[in-house]
Amino acid sequence: MQFLRAALTAIALGVALPAAAQDAAGPSVGHPLSPLCDLICGGTWQPDHPAYPDEIRTSMTYGWDSASQTIKGRIDRSGGIAGIRQIFDITYAYDPSNDSITSTSVFDDAASTRIEGQTNLTVTGKVMLSDTGFQTRFETTQTPGEVMITAVQFETPDIWVQRSEIVGNGQSTLGAELRYARNAE
């Protein structure tokens, strides 16, 4: 009986694992998006500290989309005293014509709270990979000549540390450090 149970378990795992692995798999080794997906895909990224009153909490998820050969993500910011909710759909794509990776962020107007004065809801930037993270450069939509640089480093595979800076027109504004921990699903 033990042998039969072990054999059935092995057969079930043998059939189930390839499908599950295929669904969760990122791009193959050698694909330009593979190093980025290795860093960010899988689980849910959430602040690495307990929630505090009226905090706007951000959660992020990323996964490989084999149909489009891109990394698709979703950023959900919600909370605060006004109870806002902002949803952004993110796509990381490889452009072989200039050997570059781009990040496109699109505001999901239907699922989000609209904020007065919010204008351009789509932002595209260039992504540069490093050994310990990545950096994205976005042209700001409000002020010509300004660039927002977001640098992400990984202290461990499950700790994301992010700093942003807006530079241009002779000024620099450095944002606060944001820290996220990956929660396996």
Protein backbone atom coordinates (compact mmCIF):
# COMPACT_ATOMS: atom_id res chain seq x y z
CA MET A 1 0.00 0.00 0.00
CA GLN A 2 2.86 2.41 0.86
CA PHE A 3 4.47 1.65 -2.52
CA LEU A 4 1.21 2.36 -4.37
CA ARG A 5 0.71 5.64 -2.50
CA ALA A 6 4.31 6.71 -3.24
CA ALA A 7 3.95 5.73 -6.92
CA LEU A 8 0.68 7.65 -7.30
CA THR A 9 2.23 10.69 -5.59
CA ALA A 10 5.23 10.56 -7.94
CA ILE A 11 2.97 10.25 -10.99
CA ALA A 12 0.78 13.13 -9.81
CA LEU A 13 3.81 15.31 -9.17
CA GLY A 14 5.36 14.32 -12.47
CA VAL A 15 2.25 15.39 -14.34
CA ALA A 16 1.50 18.49 -12.27
CA LEU A 17 4.97 19.99 -11.96
CA PRO A 18 5.70 20.74 -15.60
CA ALA A 19 2.44 22.68 -16.01
CA ALA A 20 2.97 24.64 -12.80
CA ALA A 21 6.61 25.30 -13.64
CA GLN A 22 5.66 26.41 -17.13
CA ASP A 23 3.05 28.87 -15.82
CA ALA A 24 5.53 30.36 -13.36
CA ALA A 25 8.54 30.24 -15.68
CA GLY A 26 10.17 33.40 -16.86
CA PRO A 27 12.02 33.90 -20.09
CA SER A 28 14.67 31.38 -20.97
CA VAL A 29 18.28 32.00 -20.03
CA GLY A 30 19.80 34.35 -22.57
CA HIS A 31 16.61 36.37 -23.12
CA PRO A 32 17.37 40.05 -22.39
CA LEU A 33 14.52 40.22 -19.83
CA SER A 34 15.63 37.10 -17.97
CA PRO A 35 17.88 38.90 -15.42
CA LEU A 36 15.13 41.41 -14.60
CA CYS A 37 12.46 38.73 -14.28
CA ASP A 38 14.79 36.72 -12.04
CA LEU A 39 14.83 39.74 -9.71
CA ILE A 40 11.18 40.84 -9.65
CA CYS A 41 8.89 38.05 -10.91
CA GLY A 42 6.93 35.92 -8.46
CA GLY A 43 5.17 36.68 -5.22
CA THR A 44 3.84 40.03 -4.06
CA TRP A 45 6.10 42.92 -3.10
CA GLN A 46 4.74 44.84 -0.09
CA PRO A 47 6.19 47.38 2.37
CA ASP A 48 8.60 45.66 4.74
CA HIS A 49 7.08 47.36 7.80
CA PRO A 50 3.73 47.06 9.58
CA ALA A 51 1.03 49.43 8.35
CA TYR A 52 0.61 52.67 10.22
CA PRO A 53 -2.58 54.80 10.41
CA ASP A 54 -3.50 56.57 7.16
CA GLU A 55 -0.53 55.09 5.29
CA ILE A 56 -0.83 54.70 1.55
CA ARG A 57 0.35 51.10 1.05
CA THR A 58 1.82 49.85 -2.19
CA SER A 59 1.84 46.26 -3.38
CA MET A 60 3.43 45.09 -6.63
CA THR A 61 3.27 41.86 -8.59
CA TYR A 62 5.26 40.88 -11.69
CA GLY A 63 5.22 37.84 -13.94
CA TRP A 64 6.40 36.65 -17.32
CA ASP A 65 3.87 36.92 -20.16
CA SER A 66 4.95 34.31 -22.71
CA ALA A 67 2.43 35.50 -25.33
CA SER A 68 3.91 39.02 -25.55
CA GLN A 69 7.45 38.05 -24.40
CA THR A 70 7.28 40.80 -21.75
CA ILE A 71 7.17 41.14 -17.98
CA LYS A 72 3.72 42.31 -16.89
CA GLY A 73 3.15 43.90 -13.53
CA ARG A 74 0.55 45.65 -11.46
CA ILE A 75 1.10 48.28 -8.80
CA ASP A 76 -1.72 48.92 -6.34
CA ARG A 77 -1.46 51.98 -4.06
CA SER A 78 -4.29 52.34 -1.57
CA GLY A 79 -5.19 53.86 1.75
CA GLY A 80 -4.44 57.22 3.27
CA ILE A 81 -6.88 59.49 5.02
CA ALA A 82 -8.93 59.91 1.83
CA GLY A 83 -8.96 56.18 1.08
CA ILE A 84 -7.50 56.53 -2.40
CA ARG A 85 -6.76 53.66 -4.74
CA GLN A 86 -4.37 53.94 -7.67
CA ILE A 87 -3.69 51.03 -9.99
CA PHE A 88 -0.89 51.04 -12.54
CA ASP A 89 -0.23 48.36 -15.13
CA ILE A 90 3.49 47.99 -15.86
CA THR A 91 5.13 46.36 -18.86
CA TYR A 92 8.85 45.70 -19.21
CA ALA A 93 9.72 44.98 -22.83
CA TYR A 94 12.86 44.35 -24.85
CA ASP A 95 13.37 46.37 -28.03
CA PRO A 96 15.82 44.52 -30.29
CA SER A 97 16.10 47.48 -32.71
CA ASN A 98 18.14 49.46 -30.18
CA ASP A 99 19.01 46.65 -27.73
CA SER A 100 17.19 48.28 -24.82
CA ILE A 101 14.65 47.48 -22.13
CA THR A 102 11.72 49.83 -21.58
CA SER A 103 9.25 50.22 -18.75
CA THR A 104 5.77 51.50 -19.54
CA SER A 105 3.41 52.46 -16.73
CA VAL A 106 -0.27 52.98 -17.52
CA PHE A 107 -2.75 54.35 -14.99
CA ASP A 108 -5.86 52.14 -14.76
CA ASP A 109 -8.46 54.89 -14.75
CA ALA A 110 -11.42 52.51 -14.36
CA ALA A 111 -10.08 50.84 -11.20
CA SER A 112 -8.54 53.93 -9.58
CA THR A 113 -9.46 57.04 -7.67
CA ARG A 114 -8.88 60.03 -9.93
CA ILE A 115 -6.71 62.73 -8.36
CA GLU A 116 -7.35 66.33 -9.32
CA GLY A 117 -4.71 67.72 -11.64
CA GLN A 118 -3.55 64.30 -12.77
CA THR A 119 -2.73 64.56 -16.46
CA ASN A 120 -0.55 62.21 -18.51
CA LEU A 121 -1.36 58.73 -17.27
CA THR A 122 1.17 56.79 -19.34
CA VAL A 123 4.91 57.04 -18.69
CA THR A 124 7.69 55.21 -20.51
CA GLY A 125 11.33 54.98 -19.47
CA LYS A 126 14.55 53.14 -20.21
CA VAL A 127 15.76 50.39 -17.89
CA MET A 128 19.42 49.66 -17.13
CA LEU A 129 20.31 46.44 -15.33
CA SER A 130 23.14 46.04 -12.83
CA ASP A 131 24.48 43.09 -10.86
CA THR A 132 22.35 43.96 -7.81
CA GLY A 133 19.29 45.66 -9.28
CA PHE A 134 18.14 48.04 -11.96
CA GLN A 135 17.57 51.71 -12.70
CA THR A 136 14.77 53.33 -14.70
CA ARG A 137 14.90 56.83 -16.23
CA PHE A 138 11.61 58.55 -17.05
CA GLU A 139 11.14 61.92 -18.68
CA THR A 140 8.72 63.79 -16.42
CA THR A 141 5.46 64.77 -18.05
CA GLN A 142 4.91 67.95 -16.04
CA THR A 143 8.21 69.80 -16.61
CA PRO A 144 10.21 69.53 -19.84
CA GLY A 145 13.88 68.81 -19.19
CA GLU A 146 13.30 66.93 -15.94
CA VAL A 147 14.12 63.27 -15.53
CA MET A 148 12.98 60.94 -12.75
CA ILE A 149 15.53 58.28 -11.93
CA THR A 150 14.42 55.29 -9.87
CA ALA A 151 17.17 53.00 -8.60
CA VAL A 152 16.26 49.59 -7.17
CA GLN A 153 18.77 47.45 -5.28
CA PHE A 154 18.16 44.03 -3.74
CA GLU A 155 19.63 43.46 -0.28
CA THR A 156 18.50 39.85 -0.60
CA PRO A 157 16.40 38.17 -3.30
CA ASP A 158 13.31 39.10 -1.26
CA ILE A 159 14.18 42.67 -0.12
CA TRP A 160 13.69 45.50 -2.65
CA VAL A 161 15.18 48.92 -1.73
CA GLN A 162 14.18 51.84 -3.93
CA ARG A 163 15.36 55.46 -4.16
CA SER A 164 14.03 58.03 -6.62
CA GLU A 165 15.37 61.39 -7.68
CA ILE A 166 14.06 64.09 -10.01
CA VAL A 167 16.84 66.02 -11.72
CA GLY A 168 16.81 68.83 -14.24
CA ASN A 169 16.61 72.55 -14.67
CA GLY A 170 19.49 72.98 -12.22
CA GLN A 171 17.73 71.19 -9.37
CA SER A 172 17.64 67.79 -7.73
CA THR A 173 14.92 66.37 -5.50
CA LEU A 174 15.72 63.12 -3.74
CA GLY A 175 12.81 60.93 -2.61
CA ALA A 176 12.67 58.85 0.56
CA GLU A 177 13.94 55.29 0.59
CA LEU A 178 11.16 52.75 0.03
CA ARG A 179 11.59 49.14 1.14
CA TYR A 180 9.55 46.14 0.03
CA ALA A 181 9.61 42.48 1.00
CA ARG A 182 8.48 39.69 -1.32
CA ASN A 183 5.69 37.54 0.08
CA ALA A 184 5.44 34.18 -1.61
CA GLU A 185 1.99 33.26 -2.81
